[in-house]
Amino acid sequence: MLHSQLQSKSVIKALTDTYRQLFLAPGPGAEERYLDIVERGREPQKRDLSHFSTSEKDSISVEETPAGNVTVITLGNRQDFITFLRIMANRCESVDIPDTQGI
């Protein structure tokens, strides 16, 4: 069973309550700021989310699985998905994300 929790443009903003590194735009110099936030517990210098365009199709939901509840984040804009992966999985580095990832 799927329980919807949050939809639309407020998804990214809601995620920043837990993942403050989302305020960082991937690119040169961002990795050190990422480490300041994630490993050293510092607050972001700016609370800017302009690197995300957001979409009405964005959503967060919780899906019940045999292994327990799993939070599912869906981003309706491909560029937002790439930005999100660069921040969360690649420590704010501007790495290439394969076109087939996330499909």
C-alpha atoms as a PDB file:
ATOM      1  CA  MET A   1       0.000   0.000   0.000  1.00  0.00           C
ATOM      2  CA  LEU A   2       1.213   3.501  -0.830  1.00  0.00           C
ATOM      3  CA  HIS A   3       0.653   6.437   1.518  1.00  0.00           C
ATOM      4  CA  SER A   4       1.252   9.809  -0.111  1.00  0.00           C
ATOM      5  CA  GLN A   5       2.866  12.328   2.216  1.00  0.00           C
ATOM      6  CA  LEU A   6       3.737  15.366   0.161  1.00  0.00           C
ATOM      7  CA  GLN A   7       3.365  16.566  -3.414  1.00  0.00           C
ATOM      8  CA  SER A   8       4.278  19.501  -5.637  1.00  0.00           C
ATOM      9  CA  LYS A   9       6.881  22.217  -5.420  1.00  0.00           C
ATOM     10  CA  SER A  10       7.228  21.957  -1.628  1.00  0.00           C
ATOM     11  CA  VAL A  11       9.004  18.560  -1.831  1.00  0.00           C
ATOM     12  CA  ILE A  12      12.571  19.888  -2.146  1.00  0.00           C
ATOM     13  CA  LYS A  13      11.930  22.520   0.522  1.00  0.00           C
ATOM     14  CA  ALA A  14      10.607  19.843   2.897  1.00  0.00           C
ATOM     15  CA  LEU A  15      13.682  17.682   2.298  1.00  0.00           C
ATOM     16  CA  THR A  16      15.973  20.525   3.406  1.00  0.00           C
ATOM     17  CA  ASP A  17      14.711  20.075   6.978  1.00  0.00           C
ATOM     18  CA  THR A  18      16.691  16.812   7.056  1.00  0.00           C
ATOM     19  CA  TYR A  19      19.189  17.274   4.218  1.00  0.00           C
ATOM     20  CA  ARG A  20      20.620  20.782   4.546  1.00  0.00           C
ATOM     21  CA  GLN A  21      23.185  19.991   1.819  1.00  0.00           C
ATOM     22  CA  LEU A  22      20.366  20.428  -0.718  1.00  0.00           C
ATOM     23  CA  PHE A  23      20.954  24.182  -0.369  1.00  0.00           C
ATOM     24  CA  LEU A  24      24.270  23.683  -2.211  1.00  0.00           C
ATOM     25  CA  ALA A  25      24.529  23.768  -5.990  1.00  0.00           C
ATOM     26  CA  PRO A  26      26.933  21.125  -7.328  1.00  0.00           C
ATOM     27  CA  GLY A  27      30.113  22.468  -8.858  1.00  0.00           C
ATOM     28  CA  PRO A  28      33.618  23.732  -8.092  1.00  0.00           C
ATOM     29  CA  GLY A  29      34.127  24.389  -4.380  1.00  0.00           C
ATOM     30  CA  ALA A  30      30.849  22.789  -3.336  1.00  0.00           C
ATOM     31  CA  GLU A  31      32.464  19.602  -2.012  1.00  0.00           C
ATOM     32  CA  GLU A  32      34.162  21.458   0.862  1.00  0.00           C
ATOM     33  CA  ARG A  33      30.918  23.243   1.759  1.00  0.00           C
ATOM     34  CA  TYR A  34      29.169  19.853   1.568  1.00  0.00           C
ATOM     35  CA  LEU A  35      31.664  18.426   4.089  1.00  0.00           C
ATOM     36  CA  ASP A  36      31.115  21.445   6.366  1.00  0.00           C
ATOM     37  CA  ILE A  37      27.391  20.740   6.434  1.00  0.00           C
ATOM     38  CA  VAL A  38      27.283  16.936   6.426  1.00  0.00           C
ATOM     39  CA  GLU A  39      30.369  15.971   8.420  1.00  0.00           C
ATOM     40  CA  ARG A  40      31.032  19.047  10.549  1.00  0.00           C
ATOM     41  CA  GLY A  41      27.418  19.949  11.295  1.00  0.00           C
ATOM     42  CA  ARG A  42      27.667  23.550  10.116  1.00  0.00           C
ATOM     43  CA  GLU A  43      24.724  25.453   8.722  1.00  0.00           C
ATOM     44  CA  PRO A  44      24.686  26.395   5.018  1.00  0.00           C
ATOM     45  CA  GLN A  45      25.903  29.926   4.311  1.00  0.00           C
ATOM     46  CA  LYS A  46      22.924  30.502   2.008  1.00  0.00           C
ATOM     47  CA  ARG A  47      19.506  28.883   1.943  1.00  0.00           C
ATOM     48  CA  ASP A  48      19.111  29.046  -1.802  1.00  0.00           C
ATOM     49  CA  LEU A  49      17.249  26.406  -3.817  1.00  0.00           C
ATOM     50  CA  SER A  50      17.360  28.182  -7.184  1.00  0.00           C
ATOM     51  CA  HIS A  51      19.380  25.271  -8.658  1.00  0.00           C
ATOM     52  CA  PHE A  52      16.128  23.250  -8.525  1.00  0.00           C
ATOM     53  CA  SER A  53      13.296  24.180 -10.885  1.00  0.00           C
ATOM     54  CA  THR A  54      10.761  21.922  -9.078  1.00  0.00           C
ATOM     55  CA  SER A  55       7.597  20.501 -10.548  1.00  0.00           C
ATOM     56  CA  GLU A  56       4.003  19.840  -9.617  1.00  0.00           C
ATOM     57  CA  LYS A  57       4.872  16.180 -10.286  1.00  0.00           C
ATOM     58  CA  ASP A  58       7.383  16.074  -7.387  1.00  0.00           C
ATOM     59  CA  SER A  59       6.308  13.826  -4.521  1.00  0.00           C
ATOM     60  CA  ILE A  60       7.429  12.054  -1.379  1.00  0.00           C
ATOM     61  CA  SER A  61       5.636   8.919  -0.314  1.00  0.00           C
ATOM     62  CA  VAL A  62       6.163   5.942   1.954  1.00  0.00           C
ATOM     63  CA  GLU A  63       5.761   2.491   0.497  1.00  0.00           C
ATOM     64  CA  GLU A  64       5.279  -0.521   2.725  1.00  0.00           C
ATOM     65  CA  THR A  65       7.554  -3.403   1.730  1.00  0.00           C
ATOM     66  CA  PRO A  66       8.341  -6.786   3.328  1.00  0.00           C
ATOM     67  CA  ALA A  67      11.579  -5.203   4.603  1.00  0.00           C
ATOM     68  CA  GLY A  68       9.741  -2.241   6.177  1.00  0.00           C
ATOM     69  CA  ASN A  69       8.703   1.215   5.064  1.00  0.00           C
ATOM     70  CA  VAL A  70      10.685   2.859   2.264  1.00  0.00           C
ATOM     71  CA  THR A  71      10.567   6.568   1.505  1.00  0.00           C
ATOM     72  CA  VAL A  72      10.173   7.225  -2.216  1.00  0.00           C
ATOM     73  CA  ILE A  73      11.159  10.602  -3.657  1.00  0.00           C
ATOM     74  CA  THR A  74       9.921  11.359  -7.169  1.00  0.00           C
ATOM     75  CA  LEU A  75      11.171  14.431  -9.011  1.00  0.00           C
ATOM     76  CA  GLY A  76       9.199  15.346 -12.129  1.00  0.00           C
ATOM     77  CA  ASN A  77      12.032  17.282 -13.773  1.00  0.00           C
ATOM     78  CA  ARG A  78      15.040  15.301 -15.083  1.00  0.00           C
ATOM     79  CA  GLN A  79      17.491  18.128 -14.317  1.00  0.00           C
ATOM     80  CA  ASP A  80      16.264  18.226 -10.703  1.00  0.00           C
ATOM     81  CA  PHE A  81      16.867  14.466 -10.479  1.00  0.00           C
ATOM     82  CA  ILE A  82      20.434  14.921 -11.769  1.00  0.00           C
ATOM     83  CA  THR A  83      21.091  17.798  -9.359  1.00  0.00           C
ATOM     84  CA  PHE A  84      19.650  15.771  -6.468  1.00  0.00           C
ATOM     85  CA  LEU A  85      21.903  12.782  -7.271  1.00  0.00           C
ATOM     86  CA  ARG A  86      24.977  14.973  -7.608  1.00  0.00           C
ATOM     87  CA  ILE A  87      24.313  16.433  -4.162  1.00  0.00           C
ATOM     88  CA  MET A  88      23.159  13.353  -2.283  1.00  0.00           C
ATOM     89  CA  ALA A  89      25.146  10.539  -3.923  1.00  0.00           C
ATOM     90  CA  ASN A  90      28.226  12.371  -5.206  1.00  0.00           C
ATOM     91  CA  ARG A  91      29.019  14.938  -2.487  1.00  0.00           C
ATOM     92  CA  CYS A  92      28.089  17.931  -4.656  1.00  0.00           C
ATOM     93  CA  GLU A  93      30.456  16.994  -7.463  1.00  0.00           C
ATOM     94  CA  SER A  94      29.325  17.708 -11.031  1.00  0.00           C
ATOM     95  CA  VAL A  95      29.668  14.111 -12.187  1.00  0.00           C
ATOM     96  CA  ASP A  96      27.972  12.703 -15.274  1.00  0.00           C
ATOM     97  CA  ILE A  97      24.700  10.912 -14.570  1.00  0.00           C
ATOM     98  CA  PRO A  98      23.868   8.307 -17.233  1.00  0.00           C
ATOM     99  CA  ASP A  99      20.690   8.944 -19.234  1.00  0.00           C
ATOM    100  CA  THR A 100      19.472   5.492 -18.218  1.00  0.00           C
ATOM    101  CA  GLN A 101      19.725   6.184 -14.477  1.00  0.00           C
ATOM    102  CA  GLY A 102      16.396   6.906 -12.839  1.00  0.00           C
ATOM    103  CA  ILE A 103      14.201   5.717 -15.677  1.00  0.00           C
END
